[in-house]
């Protein structure tokens, strides 16, 4: 009977030991799974914040390309209607000759000559003639004339020559008698921003 009790105790002790080993093995497995899972999540999180230099360069390049190819639409620009106008051809002529009653006719004739030579509407052409002025040429007060023509563009050798011939033909006739070699006309190509009209400049 004593042997049976002893054997029974041994069996119970053995079962308890096995149970404890099984439980320890279970917790050990859970711990290993937990460590593996934690390591994976940490690695993925770190990788999420790593920027590939090639990808960063590619993104930057795309942004620059978009900025380069972006065009401004007419609605976004500051283009003013004055920028499309033909602008100011204007002649200021000073002479010591007395043009008398022919003065207005000569001014109108100069206006037409300028419009034809520059190809601009005569509506934009201005002419001013100051006669009986104190002017000398080559140290002499013989009949002479000095002119300045300003225009936004249309200042070329051809148009300048055409205007010079036309104005000279008007002044070289009697009774004015201004010789062709006593007439100077200077031509100036004006930037739009340097010509004012109608409360603005022709640049807008």
N, C-alpha and C. Protein backbone atom coordinates (compact mmCIF):
# COMPACT_ATOMS: atom_id res chain seq x y z
N UNK A 1 0.83 -1.21 0.00
CA UNK A 1 0.00 0.00 0.00
C UNK A 1 0.86 1.25 0.00
N UNK A 2 1.95 1.19 0.79
CA UNK A 2 2.88 2.34 0.86
C UNK A 2 3.54 2.57 -0.47
N UNK A 3 3.91 1.55 -1.20
CA UNK A 3 4.51 1.68 -2.51
C UNK A 3 3.55 2.31 -3.50
N UNK A 4 2.28 1.94 -3.42
CA UNK A 4 1.28 2.50 -4.34
C UNK A 4 1.13 4.00 -4.11
N UNK A 5 1.15 4.41 -2.83
CA UNK A 5 1.03 5.85 -2.52
C UNK A 5 2.23 6.59 -3.03
N UNK A 6 3.39 6.01 -2.84
CA UNK A 6 4.62 6.63 -3.31
C UNK A 6 4.64 6.78 -4.83
N UNK A 7 4.20 5.71 -5.49
CA UNK A 7 4.14 5.77 -6.96
C UNK A 7 3.14 6.82 -7.43
N UNK A 8 2.03 6.91 -6.75
CA UNK A 8 1.02 7.91 -7.11
C UNK A 8 1.56 9.31 -6.98
N UNK A 9 2.33 9.55 -5.89
CA UNK A 9 2.94 10.88 -5.68
C UNK A 9 3.94 11.20 -6.78
N UNK A 10 4.69 10.17 -7.16
CA UNK A 10 5.67 10.37 -8.24
C UNK A 10 4.99 10.75 -9.56
N UNK A 11 3.90 10.06 -9.81
CA UNK A 11 3.15 10.34 -11.05
C UNK A 11 2.62 11.77 -11.04
N UNK A 12 2.04 12.17 -9.90
CA UNK A 12 1.49 13.53 -9.79
C UNK A 12 2.58 14.56 -9.95
N UNK A 13 3.74 14.31 -9.31
CA UNK A 13 4.86 15.25 -9.42
C UNK A 13 5.36 15.36 -10.83
N UNK A 14 5.41 14.22 -11.48
CA UNK A 14 5.87 14.23 -12.87
C UNK A 14 4.92 15.03 -13.75
N UNK A 15 3.62 14.84 -13.55
CA UNK A 15 2.61 15.57 -14.35
C UNK A 15 2.74 17.06 -14.11
N UNK A 16 2.98 17.43 -12.83
CA UNK A 16 3.13 18.87 -12.54
C UNK A 16 4.35 19.45 -13.26
N UNK A 17 5.42 18.69 -13.24
CA UNK A 17 6.65 19.18 -13.91
C UNK A 17 6.41 19.35 -15.40
N UNK A 18 5.74 18.35 -15.98
CA UNK A 18 5.43 18.45 -17.42
C UNK A 18 4.55 19.66 -17.72
N UNK A 19 3.59 19.91 -16.83
CA UNK A 19 2.68 21.04 -17.03
C UNK A 19 3.45 22.35 -16.99
N UNK A 20 4.38 22.42 -16.00
CA UNK A 20 5.17 23.66 -15.88
C UNK A 20 6.06 23.86 -17.09
N UNK A 21 6.65 22.76 -17.59
CA UNK A 21 7.50 22.87 -18.78
C UNK A 21 6.69 23.31 -20.01
N UNK A 22 5.50 22.74 -20.10
CA UNK A 22 4.64 23.11 -21.24
C UNK A 22 4.25 24.58 -21.17
N UNK A 23 3.90 25.02 -19.96
CA UNK A 23 3.51 26.43 -19.80
C UNK A 23 4.68 27.36 -20.10
N UNK A 24 5.89 26.98 -19.65
CA UNK A 24 7.08 27.81 -19.92
C UNK A 24 7.37 27.85 -21.41
N UNK A 25 7.19 26.67 -22.05
CA UNK A 25 7.40 26.63 -23.50
C UNK A 25 6.42 27.50 -24.24
N UNK A 26 5.19 27.51 -23.77
CA UNK A 26 4.16 28.35 -24.42
C UNK A 26 4.51 29.82 -24.32
N UNK A 27 4.87 30.27 -23.10
CA UNK A 27 5.23 31.69 -22.92
C UNK A 27 6.49 32.05 -23.71
N UNK A 28 7.41 31.10 -23.80
CA UNK A 28 8.62 31.35 -24.57
C UNK A 28 8.29 31.57 -26.05
N UNK A 29 7.36 30.78 -26.55
CA UNK A 29 6.94 30.92 -27.96
C UNK A 29 6.26 32.27 -28.20
N UNK A 30 5.39 32.64 -27.23
CA UNK A 30 4.70 33.93 -27.35
C UNK A 30 5.69 35.07 -27.35
N UNK A 31 6.70 34.97 -26.48
CA UNK A 31 7.71 36.03 -26.41
C UNK A 31 8.48 36.15 -27.72
N UNK A 32 8.85 35.02 -28.31
CA UNK A 32 9.58 35.05 -29.58
C UNK A 32 8.74 35.70 -30.68
N UNK A 33 7.46 35.31 -30.74
CA UNK A 33 6.55 35.92 -31.75
C UNK A 33 6.44 37.41 -31.54
N UNK A 34 6.31 37.84 -30.29
CA UNK A 34 6.20 39.27 -29.98
C UNK A 34 7.45 40.04 -30.43
N UNK A 35 8.63 39.47 -30.14
CA UNK A 35 9.88 40.14 -30.53
C UNK A 35 10.00 40.25 -32.04
N UNK A 36 9.66 39.21 -32.75
CA UNK A 36 9.74 39.22 -34.22
C UNK A 36 8.79 40.26 -34.80
N UNK A 37 7.58 40.31 -34.27
CA UNK A 37 6.56 41.26 -34.77
C UNK A 37 7.01 42.69 -34.52
N UNK A 38 7.53 42.96 -33.32
CA UNK A 38 7.97 44.31 -32.96
C UNK A 38 9.12 44.76 -33.86
N UNK A 39 10.05 43.87 -34.12
CA UNK A 39 11.20 44.20 -34.97
C UNK A 39 10.75 44.53 -36.38
N UNK A 40 9.81 43.78 -36.91
CA UNK A 40 9.30 44.01 -38.27
C UNK A 40 8.62 45.37 -38.39
N UNK A 41 7.77 45.69 -37.40
CA UNK A 41 7.05 46.96 -37.43
C UNK A 41 8.02 48.13 -37.35
N UNK A 42 9.03 48.02 -36.47
CA UNK A 42 10.02 49.09 -36.32
C UNK A 42 10.78 49.31 -37.60
N UNK A 43 11.17 48.20 -38.25
CA UNK A 43 11.94 48.30 -39.51
C UNK A 43 11.11 48.97 -40.60
N UNK A 44 9.85 48.58 -40.72
CA UNK A 44 8.97 49.17 -41.74
C UNK A 44 8.73 50.64 -41.48
N UNK A 45 8.57 50.99 -40.20
CA UNK A 45 8.34 52.40 -39.85
C UNK A 45 9.55 53.24 -40.20
N UNK A 46 10.74 52.75 -39.92
CA UNK A 46 11.97 53.48 -40.23
C UNK A 46 12.13 53.63 -41.73
N UNK A 47 11.83 52.55 -42.46
CA UNK A 47 11.96 52.62 -43.92
C UNK A 47 10.99 53.60 -44.53
N UNK A 48 9.86 53.82 -43.88
CA UNK A 48 8.86 54.74 -44.42
C UNK A 48 9.36 56.16 -44.44
N UNK A 49 10.35 56.48 -43.58
CA UNK A 49 10.86 57.84 -43.52
C UNK A 49 12.17 58.01 -44.28
N UNK A 50 12.62 56.95 -44.93
CA UNK A 50 13.84 57.03 -45.71
C UNK A 50 13.49 57.50 -47.12
N UNK A 51 14.12 58.60 -47.59
CA UNK A 51 13.85 59.16 -48.91
C UNK A 51 14.95 58.74 -49.85
N UNK A 52 14.55 58.10 -50.90
CA UNK A 52 15.51 57.70 -51.92
C UNK A 52 16.03 58.95 -52.62
N UNK A 53 17.36 59.22 -52.60
CA UNK A 53 17.90 60.42 -53.25
C UNK A 53 17.51 60.52 -54.71
N UNK A 54 17.46 59.36 -55.42
CA UNK A 54 17.06 59.40 -56.83
C UNK A 54 15.63 59.85 -56.99
N UNK A 55 14.75 59.34 -56.09
CA UNK A 55 13.36 59.75 -56.14
C UNK A 55 13.21 61.24 -55.83
N UNK A 56 13.98 61.75 -54.86
CA UNK A 56 13.93 63.16 -54.50
C UNK A 56 14.38 64.03 -55.67
N UNK A 57 15.45 63.62 -56.34
CA UNK A 57 15.95 64.36 -57.48
C UNK A 57 14.93 64.36 -58.61
N UNK A 58 14.29 63.19 -58.79
CA UNK A 58 13.29 63.10 -59.84
C UNK A 58 12.13 64.02 -59.58
N UNK A 59 11.67 64.08 -58.33
CA UNK A 59 10.55 64.96 -57.97
C UNK A 59 10.91 66.41 -58.17
N UNK A 60 12.13 66.79 -57.75
CA UNK A 60 12.59 68.17 -57.93
C UNK A 60 12.64 68.53 -59.40
N UNK A 61 13.14 67.60 -60.22
CA UNK A 61 13.24 67.85 -61.65
C UNK A 61 11.87 68.08 -62.26
N UNK A 62 10.89 67.28 -61.82
CA UNK A 62 9.54 67.43 -62.35
C UNK A 62 8.97 68.78 -62.00
N UNK A 63 9.20 69.23 -60.76
CA UNK A 63 8.70 70.55 -60.34
C UNK A 63 9.32 71.65 -61.19
N UNK A 64 10.67 71.53 -61.42
CA UNK A 64 11.34 72.55 -62.23
C UNK A 64 10.82 72.55 -63.66
N UNK A 65 10.55 71.34 -64.21
CA UNK A 65 10.03 71.24 -65.57
C UNK A 65 8.67 71.88 -65.67
N UNK A 66 7.84 71.66 -64.68
CA UNK A 66 6.51 72.28 -64.69
C UNK A 66 6.61 73.79 -64.62
N UNK A 67 7.53 74.29 -63.78
CA UNK A 67 7.70 75.75 -63.66
C UNK A 67 8.22 76.34 -64.95
N UNK A 68 9.09 75.58 -65.64
CA UNK A 68 9.66 76.09 -66.89
C UNK A 68 8.64 76.12 -68.00
N UNK A 69 7.79 75.09 -68.06
CA UNK A 69 6.83 74.99 -69.16
C UNK A 69 5.54 75.74 -68.90
N UNK A 70 5.40 76.33 -67.71
CA UNK A 70 4.19 77.08 -67.42
C UNK A 70 4.14 78.37 -68.22
N UNK A 71 3.05 78.58 -68.90
CA UNK A 71 2.89 79.78 -69.72
C UNK A 71 1.85 80.69 -69.10
N UNK A 72 1.99 81.96 -69.38
CA UNK A 72 1.05 82.95 -68.85
C UNK A 72 -0.04 83.22 -69.87
N UNK A 73 -1.27 83.05 -69.45
CA UNK A 73 -2.38 83.31 -70.34
C UNK A 73 -2.64 84.80 -70.44
N UNK A 74 -3.34 85.23 -71.50
CA UNK A 74 -3.63 86.66 -71.64
C UNK A 74 -4.36 87.24 -70.44
N UNK A 75 -5.19 86.39 -69.80
CA UNK A 75 -5.93 86.90 -68.65
C UNK A 75 -5.01 87.17 -67.48
N UNK A 76 -3.85 86.44 -67.41
CA UNK A 76 -2.96 86.60 -66.28
C UNK A 76 -1.91 87.67 -66.51
N UNK A 77 -1.69 88.07 -67.76
CA UNK A 77 -0.63 89.02 -68.07
C UNK A 77 -1.10 90.44 -67.82
N UNK A 78 -0.12 91.38 -67.85
CA UNK A 78 -0.44 92.79 -67.66
C UNK A 78 -0.47 93.52 -68.99
N UNK A 79 -0.73 92.79 -70.06
CA UNK A 79 -0.73 93.38 -71.41
C UNK A 79 -1.85 94.43 -71.50
N UNK A 80 -1.46 95.64 -71.89
CA UNK A 80 -2.42 96.74 -72.01
C UNK A 80 -2.70 97.01 -73.49
N UNK A 81 -3.94 97.39 -73.83
CA UNK A 81 -4.26 97.66 -75.23
C UNK A 81 -3.35 98.70 -75.89
N UNK A 82 -2.79 99.63 -75.10
CA UNK A 82 -1.90 100.65 -75.68
C UNK A 82 -0.66 100.01 -76.30
N UNK A 83 -0.31 98.79 -75.82
CA UNK A 83 0.89 98.14 -76.34
C UNK A 83 0.71 97.73 -77.81
N UNK A 84 -0.52 97.67 -78.28
CA UNK A 84 -0.78 97.26 -79.65
C UNK A 84 -0.99 98.46 -80.58
N UNK A 85 -0.96 99.67 -80.05
CA UNK A 85 -1.17 100.86 -80.89
C UNK A 85 0.11 101.20 -81.67
N UNK A 86 -0.03 101.83 -82.82
CA UNK A 86 1.15 102.11 -83.66
C UNK A 86 2.10 103.12 -83.05
N UNK A 87 1.62 103.95 -82.14
CA UNK A 87 2.53 104.86 -81.46
C UNK A 87 2.73 106.19 -82.16
N UNK A 88 3.76 106.87 -81.72
CA UNK A 88 3.93 108.29 -82.01
C UNK A 88 4.99 108.56 -83.06
N UNK A 89 4.58 108.85 -84.30
CA UNK A 89 5.53 109.51 -85.19
C UNK A 89 5.30 111.02 -85.07
N UNK A 90 6.29 111.76 -84.63
CA UNK A 90 6.11 113.21 -84.49
C UNK A 90 7.35 113.93 -85.03
N UNK A 91 7.09 115.01 -85.75
CA UNK A 91 8.15 115.81 -86.34
C UNK A 91 8.14 117.21 -85.74
N UNK A 92 9.29 117.63 -85.25
CA UNK A 92 9.45 119.01 -84.78
C UNK A 92 10.47 119.67 -85.70
N UNK A 93 10.02 120.68 -86.40
CA UNK A 93 10.87 121.34 -87.40
C UNK A 93 11.04 122.81 -87.04
N UNK A 94 12.26 123.26 -87.03
CA UNK A 94 12.58 124.65 -86.70
C UNK A 94 13.34 125.27 -87.88
N UNK A 95 12.88 126.45 -88.30
CA UNK A 95 13.53 127.12 -89.44
C UNK A 95 13.58 128.62 -89.21
N UNK A 96 14.57 129.26 -89.81
CA UNK A 96 14.63 130.72 -89.72
C UNK A 96 13.92 131.38 -90.90
N UNK A 97 13.34 130.55 -91.76
CA UNK A 97 12.58 131.08 -92.90
C UNK A 97 11.17 131.43 -92.44
N UNK A 98 10.54 132.34 -93.19
CA UNK A 98 9.16 132.74 -92.93
C UNK A 98 8.25 131.97 -93.87
N UNK A 99 7.47 131.06 -93.32
CA UNK A 99 6.61 130.22 -94.16
C UNK A 99 5.30 130.90 -94.50
N UNK A 100 4.98 131.97 -93.79
CA UNK A 100 3.79 132.76 -94.11
C UNK A 100 2.52 131.94 -94.14
N UNK A 101 1.71 132.18 -95.17
CA UNK A 101 0.42 131.52 -95.29
C UNK A 101 0.56 130.05 -95.69
N UNK A 102 1.72 129.64 -96.14
CA UNK A 102 1.94 128.26 -96.57
C UNK A 102 2.28 127.32 -95.40
N UNK A 103 2.41 127.89 -94.23
CA UNK A 103 2.86 127.10 -93.08
C UNK A 103 1.96 125.90 -92.80
N UNK A 104 0.65 126.11 -92.75
CA UNK A 104 -0.26 125.01 -92.45
C UNK A 104 -0.24 123.97 -93.56
N UNK A 105 -0.16 124.43 -94.81
CA UNK A 105 -0.11 123.48 -95.93
C UNK A 105 1.15 122.60 -95.85
N UNK A 106 2.26 123.22 -95.47
CA UNK A 106 3.51 122.45 -95.35
C UNK A 106 3.40 121.45 -94.20
N UNK A 107 2.79 121.85 -93.11
CA UNK A 107 2.62 120.94 -91.98
C UNK A 107 1.76 119.73 -92.38
N UNK A 108 0.68 119.96 -93.09
CA UNK A 108 -0.19 118.86 -93.54
C UNK A 108 0.53 117.96 -94.53
N UNK A 109 1.32 118.57 -95.39
CA UNK A 109 2.08 117.77 -96.36
C UNK A 109 3.12 116.90 -95.64
N UNK A 110 3.77 117.45 -94.62
CA UNK A 110 4.73 116.68 -93.83
C UNK A 110 4.06 115.51 -93.13
N UNK A 111 2.84 115.73 -92.64
CA UNK A 111 2.11 114.69 -91.94
C UNK A 111 1.85 113.50 -92.87
N UNK A 112 1.43 113.77 -94.09
CA UNK A 112 1.15 112.71 -95.05
C UNK A 112 2.44 111.97 -95.44
N UNK A 113 3.52 112.72 -95.61
CA UNK A 113 4.80 112.09 -95.96
C UNK A 113 5.23 111.11 -94.87
N UNK A 114 5.10 111.53 -93.62
CA UNK A 114 5.51 110.68 -92.49
C UNK A 114 4.65 109.42 -92.41
N UNK A 115 3.32 109.59 -92.57
CA UNK A 115 2.42 108.43 -92.49
C UNK A 115 2.74 107.42 -93.60
N UNK A 116 3.00 107.92 -94.79
CA UNK A 116 3.30 107.03 -95.91
C UNK A 116 4.64 106.31 -95.71
N UNK A 117 5.63 107.03 -95.22
CA UNK A 117 6.97 106.45 -95.07
C UNK A 117 7.03 105.44 -93.92
N UNK A 118 6.34 105.72 -92.83
CA UNK A 118 6.39 104.82 -91.66
C UNK A 118 5.35 103.71 -91.73
N UNK A 119 4.34 103.88 -92.57
CA UNK A 119 3.28 102.89 -92.65
C UNK A 119 2.32 102.96 -91.49
N UNK A 120 2.32 104.08 -90.77
CA UNK A 120 1.44 104.24 -89.61
C UNK A 120 0.27 105.15 -89.98
N UNK A 121 -0.87 104.98 -89.30
CA UNK A 121 -2.04 105.83 -89.57
C UNK A 121 -1.71 107.30 -89.32
N UNK A 122 -2.18 108.16 -90.19
CA UNK A 122 -1.90 109.59 -90.02
C UNK A 122 -2.56 110.13 -88.75
N UNK A 123 -3.55 109.40 -88.23
CA UNK A 123 -4.21 109.83 -86.99
C UNK A 123 -3.23 109.91 -85.82
N UNK A 124 -2.11 109.22 -85.91
CA UNK A 124 -1.12 109.23 -84.83
C UNK A 124 0.07 110.14 -85.14
N UNK A 125 0.08 110.78 -86.28
CA UNK A 125 1.21 111.61 -86.68
C UNK A 125 1.02 113.04 -86.16
N UNK A 126 2.07 113.60 -85.58
CA UNK A 126 2.03 114.98 -85.09
C UNK A 126 3.17 115.76 -85.74
N UNK A 127 2.88 117.02 -86.10
CA UNK A 127 3.88 117.88 -86.74
C UNK A 127 3.85 119.26 -86.09
N UNK A 128 5.02 119.75 -85.76
CA UNK A 128 5.14 121.11 -85.23
C UNK A 128 6.25 121.82 -86.00
N UNK A 129 5.93 123.02 -86.52
CA UNK A 129 6.92 123.81 -87.25
C UNK A 129 7.05 125.18 -86.59
N UNK A 130 8.25 125.53 -86.20
CA UNK A 130 8.55 126.85 -85.66
C UNK A 130 9.33 127.62 -86.71
N UNK A 131 8.67 128.57 -87.35
CA UNK A 131 9.37 129.38 -88.37
C UNK A 131 9.80 130.72 -87.77
N UNK A 132 10.56 131.49 -88.55
CA UNK A 132 11.09 132.78 -88.08
C UNK A 132 11.92 132.62 -86.80
N UNK A 133 12.55 131.45 -86.63
CA UNK A 133 13.35 131.19 -85.44
C UNK A 133 14.80 131.64 -85.66
N UNK A 134 15.51 131.79 -84.56
CA UNK A 134 16.92 132.16 -84.65
C UNK A 134 17.74 130.89 -84.83
N UNK A 135 18.17 130.64 -86.07
CA UNK A 135 18.91 129.43 -86.40
C UNK A 135 20.05 129.79 -87.35
N UNK A 136 21.20 129.19 -87.10
CA UNK A 136 22.31 129.34 -88.05
C UNK A 136 22.82 127.94 -88.41
N UNK A 137 23.41 127.86 -89.58
CA UNK A 137 23.97 126.59 -90.06
C UNK A 137 25.32 126.90 -90.71
N UNK A 138 26.37 126.30 -90.22
CA UNK A 138 27.70 126.59 -90.75
C UNK A 138 28.15 128.03 -90.52
N UNK A 139 27.64 128.61 -89.43
CA UNK A 139 28.01 129.99 -89.10
C UNK A 139 27.26 131.03 -89.89
N UNK A 140 26.27 130.62 -90.69
CA UNK A 140 25.51 131.56 -91.53
C UNK A 140 24.05 131.53 -91.15
N UNK A 141 23.39 132.70 -91.24
CA UNK A 141 21.96 132.76 -90.96
C UNK A 141 21.13 132.68 -92.24
N UNK A 142 21.75 132.18 -93.31
CA UNK A 142 20.98 131.95 -94.54
C UNK A 142 19.89 130.92 -94.25
N UNK A 143 18.82 130.88 -95.06
CA UNK A 143 17.70 129.97 -94.78
C UNK A 143 18.18 128.54 -94.48
N UNK A 144 17.70 128.04 -93.39
CA UNK A 144 18.09 126.70 -92.94
C UNK A 144 16.97 126.09 -92.11
N UNK A 145 17.05 124.81 -91.85
CA UNK A 145 16.03 124.11 -91.06
C UNK A 145 16.63 122.93 -90.32
N UNK A 146 16.16 122.75 -89.11
CA UNK A 146 16.57 121.61 -88.29
C UNK A 146 15.32 120.83 -87.87
N UNK A 147 15.36 119.51 -88.03
CA UNK A 147 14.19 118.70 -87.68
C UNK A 147 14.55 117.51 -86.83
N UNK A 148 13.60 117.11 -85.99
CA UNK A 148 13.73 115.89 -85.19
C UNK A 148 12.46 115.07 -85.36
N UNK A 149 12.62 113.84 -85.78
CA UNK A 149 11.46 112.95 -85.92
C UNK A 149 11.59 111.81 -84.93
N UNK A 150 10.52 111.61 -84.13
CA UNK A 150 10.48 110.56 -83.12
C UNK A 150 9.40 109.55 -83.52
N UNK A 151 9.71 108.26 -83.35
CA UNK A 151 8.72 107.24 -83.69
C UNK A 151 9.00 105.98 -82.91
N UNK A 152 7.92 105.28 -82.55
CA UNK A 152 8.05 103.97 -81.93
C UNK A 152 8.19 102.97 -83.07
N UNK A 153 9.42 102.63 -83.37
CA UNK A 153 9.67 101.75 -84.50
C UNK A 153 9.54 102.50 -85.81
N UNK A 154 9.62 101.77 -86.93
CA UNK A 154 9.52 102.34 -88.28
C UNK A 154 10.64 103.34 -88.56
N UNK A 155 11.73 103.24 -87.81
CA UNK A 155 12.91 104.08 -88.06
C UNK A 155 13.91 103.21 -88.81
N UNK A 156 13.92 103.36 -90.12
CA UNK A 156 14.82 102.56 -90.96
C UNK A 156 15.50 103.48 -91.96
N UNK A 157 16.53 102.97 -92.60
CA UNK A 157 17.23 103.78 -93.60
C UNK A 157 16.29 104.17 -94.73
N UNK A 158 15.44 103.25 -95.13
CA UNK A 158 14.51 103.53 -96.23
C UNK A 158 13.50 104.60 -95.85
N UNK A 159 12.82 104.41 -94.71
CA UNK A 159 11.80 105.38 -94.31
C UNK A 159 12.42 106.72 -93.96
N UNK A 160 13.58 106.72 -93.33
CA UNK A 160 14.25 107.98 -92.99
C UNK A 160 14.61 108.76 -94.25
N UNK A 161 15.12 108.05 -95.25
CA UNK A 161 15.46 108.71 -96.50
C UNK A 161 14.25 109.27 -97.21
N UNK A 162 13.14 108.51 -97.17
CA UNK A 162 11.91 108.96 -97.82
C UNK A 162 11.37 110.23 -97.16
N UNK A 163 11.42 110.28 -95.83
CA UNK A 163 10.94 111.48 -95.13
C UNK A 163 11.86 112.67 -95.41
N UNK A 164 13.17 112.42 -95.39
CA UNK A 164 14.12 113.51 -95.65
C UNK A 164 13.90 114.11 -97.03
N UNK A 165 13.72 113.28 -98.03
CA UNK A 165 13.47 113.78 -99.40
C UNK A 165 12.17 114.57 -99.47
N UNK A 166 11.12 114.04 -98.84
CA UNK A 166 9.82 114.71 -98.91
C UNK A 166 9.83 116.08 -98.24
N UNK A 167 10.41 116.17 -97.05
CA UNK A 167 10.46 117.45 -96.34
C UNK A 167 11.36 118.44 -97.08
N UNK A 168 12.46 117.95 -97.62
CA UNK A 168 13.37 118.84 -98.35
C UNK A 168 12.69 119.40 -99.60
N UNK A 169 11.93 118.59 -100.30
CA UNK A 169 11.21 119.07 -101.48
C UNK A 169 10.23 120.19 -101.12
N UNK A 170 9.63 120.10 -99.93
CA UNK A 170 8.69 121.14 -99.51
C UNK A 170 9.40 122.46 -99.17
N UNK A 171 10.57 122.38 -98.54
CA UNK A 171 11.27 123.58 -98.08
C UNK A 171 12.20 124.18 -99.13
N UNK A 172 12.56 123.40 -100.12
CA UNK A 172 13.51 123.87 -101.14
C UNK A 172 12.84 124.69 -102.24
N UNK A 173 11.54 124.71 -102.23
CA UNK A 173 10.81 125.44 -103.27
C UNK A 173 10.71 126.93 -102.92
N UNK A 174 10.40 127.70 -103.91
CA UNK A 174 10.19 129.14 -103.68
C UNK A 174 8.85 129.34 -102.98
N UNK A 175 8.68 130.30 -102.12
CA UNK A 175 9.62 131.40 -101.86
C UNK A 175 10.59 131.14 -100.70
N UNK A 176 10.57 129.87 -100.17
CA UNK A 176 11.37 129.62 -98.96
C UNK A 176 12.85 129.48 -99.30
N UNK A 177 13.14 128.74 -100.33
CA UNK A 177 14.52 128.63 -100.81
C UNK A 177 15.52 128.08 -99.81
N UNK A 178 15.10 127.06 -99.04
CA UNK A 178 16.04 126.43 -98.10
C UNK A 178 16.77 125.31 -98.86
N UNK A 179 18.06 125.49 -99.06
CA UNK A 179 18.84 124.53 -99.84
C UNK A 179 18.88 123.16 -99.14
N UNK A 180 18.95 122.13 -99.96
CA UNK A 180 18.93 120.77 -99.42
C UNK A 180 20.13 120.47 -98.52
N UNK A 181 21.23 121.16 -98.74
CA UNK A 181 22.42 120.92 -97.92
C UNK A 181 22.45 121.80 -96.66
N UNK A 182 21.30 122.45 -96.38
CA UNK A 182 21.19 123.25 -95.15
C UNK A 182 19.99 122.77 -94.30
N UNK A 183 19.71 121.48 -94.45
CA UNK A 183 18.60 120.87 -93.70
C UNK A 183 19.11 119.62 -92.99
N UNK A 184 18.94 119.62 -91.70
CA UNK A 184 19.25 118.44 -90.89
C UNK A 184 17.93 117.87 -90.34
N UNK A 185 17.79 116.55 -90.42
CA UNK A 185 16.67 115.87 -89.75
C UNK A 185 17.23 114.68 -89.00
N UNK A 186 17.04 114.67 -87.70
CA UNK A 186 17.50 113.58 -86.85
C UNK A 186 16.33 112.64 -86.54
N UNK A 187 16.61 111.34 -86.55
CA UNK A 187 15.56 110.33 -86.35
C UNK A 187 15.84 109.55 -85.06
N UNK A 188 14.78 109.38 -84.27
CA UNK A 188 14.91 108.71 -82.97
C UNK A 188 13.88 107.58 -82.85
N UNK A 189 14.37 106.38 -82.61
CA UNK A 189 13.50 105.23 -82.37
C UNK A 189 13.18 105.18 -80.88
N UNK A 190 11.94 105.41 -80.53
CA UNK A 190 11.56 105.57 -79.13
C UNK A 190 11.01 104.28 -78.52
N UNK A 191 11.46 103.92 -77.31
CA UNK A 191 10.82 102.82 -76.57
C UNK A 191 9.39 103.21 -76.19
N UNK A 192 8.50 102.26 -76.16
CA UNK A 192 7.10 102.56 -75.84
C UNK A 192 6.96 103.21 -74.46
N UNK A 193 7.78 102.76 -73.53
CA UNK A 193 7.67 103.30 -72.17
C UNK A 193 8.10 104.76 -72.10
N UNK A 194 8.76 105.27 -73.13
CA UNK A 194 9.24 106.66 -73.13
C UNK A 194 8.37 107.59 -73.95
N UNK A 195 7.21 107.13 -74.33
CA UNK A 195 6.28 107.97 -75.10
C UNK A 195 4.94 107.99 -74.39
N UNK A 196 4.54 109.16 -73.91
CA UNK A 196 3.27 109.29 -73.19
C UNK A 196 2.15 109.75 -74.10
N UNK A 197 0.97 109.23 -73.82
CA UNK A 197 -0.23 109.58 -74.60
C UNK A 197 -1.48 109.17 -73.83
N UNK A 198 -2.46 110.03 -73.81
CA UNK A 198 -3.75 109.73 -73.22
C UNK A 198 -3.62 109.22 -71.77
N UNK A 199 -2.85 109.99 -70.98
CA UNK A 199 -2.67 109.75 -69.55
C UNK A 199 -1.81 108.52 -69.23
N UNK A 200 -1.27 107.88 -70.25
CA UNK A 200 -0.43 106.70 -70.02
C UNK A 200 0.75 106.75 -70.98
N UNK A 201 1.52 105.70 -71.01
CA UNK A 201 2.53 105.55 -72.06
C UNK A 201 2.04 104.47 -73.02
N UNK A 202 2.72 104.35 -74.15
CA UNK A 202 2.34 103.33 -75.11
C UNK A 202 2.77 101.93 -74.65
N UNK A 203 3.43 101.85 -73.51
CA UNK A 203 3.77 100.57 -72.91
C UNK A 203 2.64 100.08 -72.01
N UNK A 204 1.63 100.95 -71.79
CA UNK A 204 0.49 100.57 -70.98
C UNK A 204 0.48 101.29 -69.65
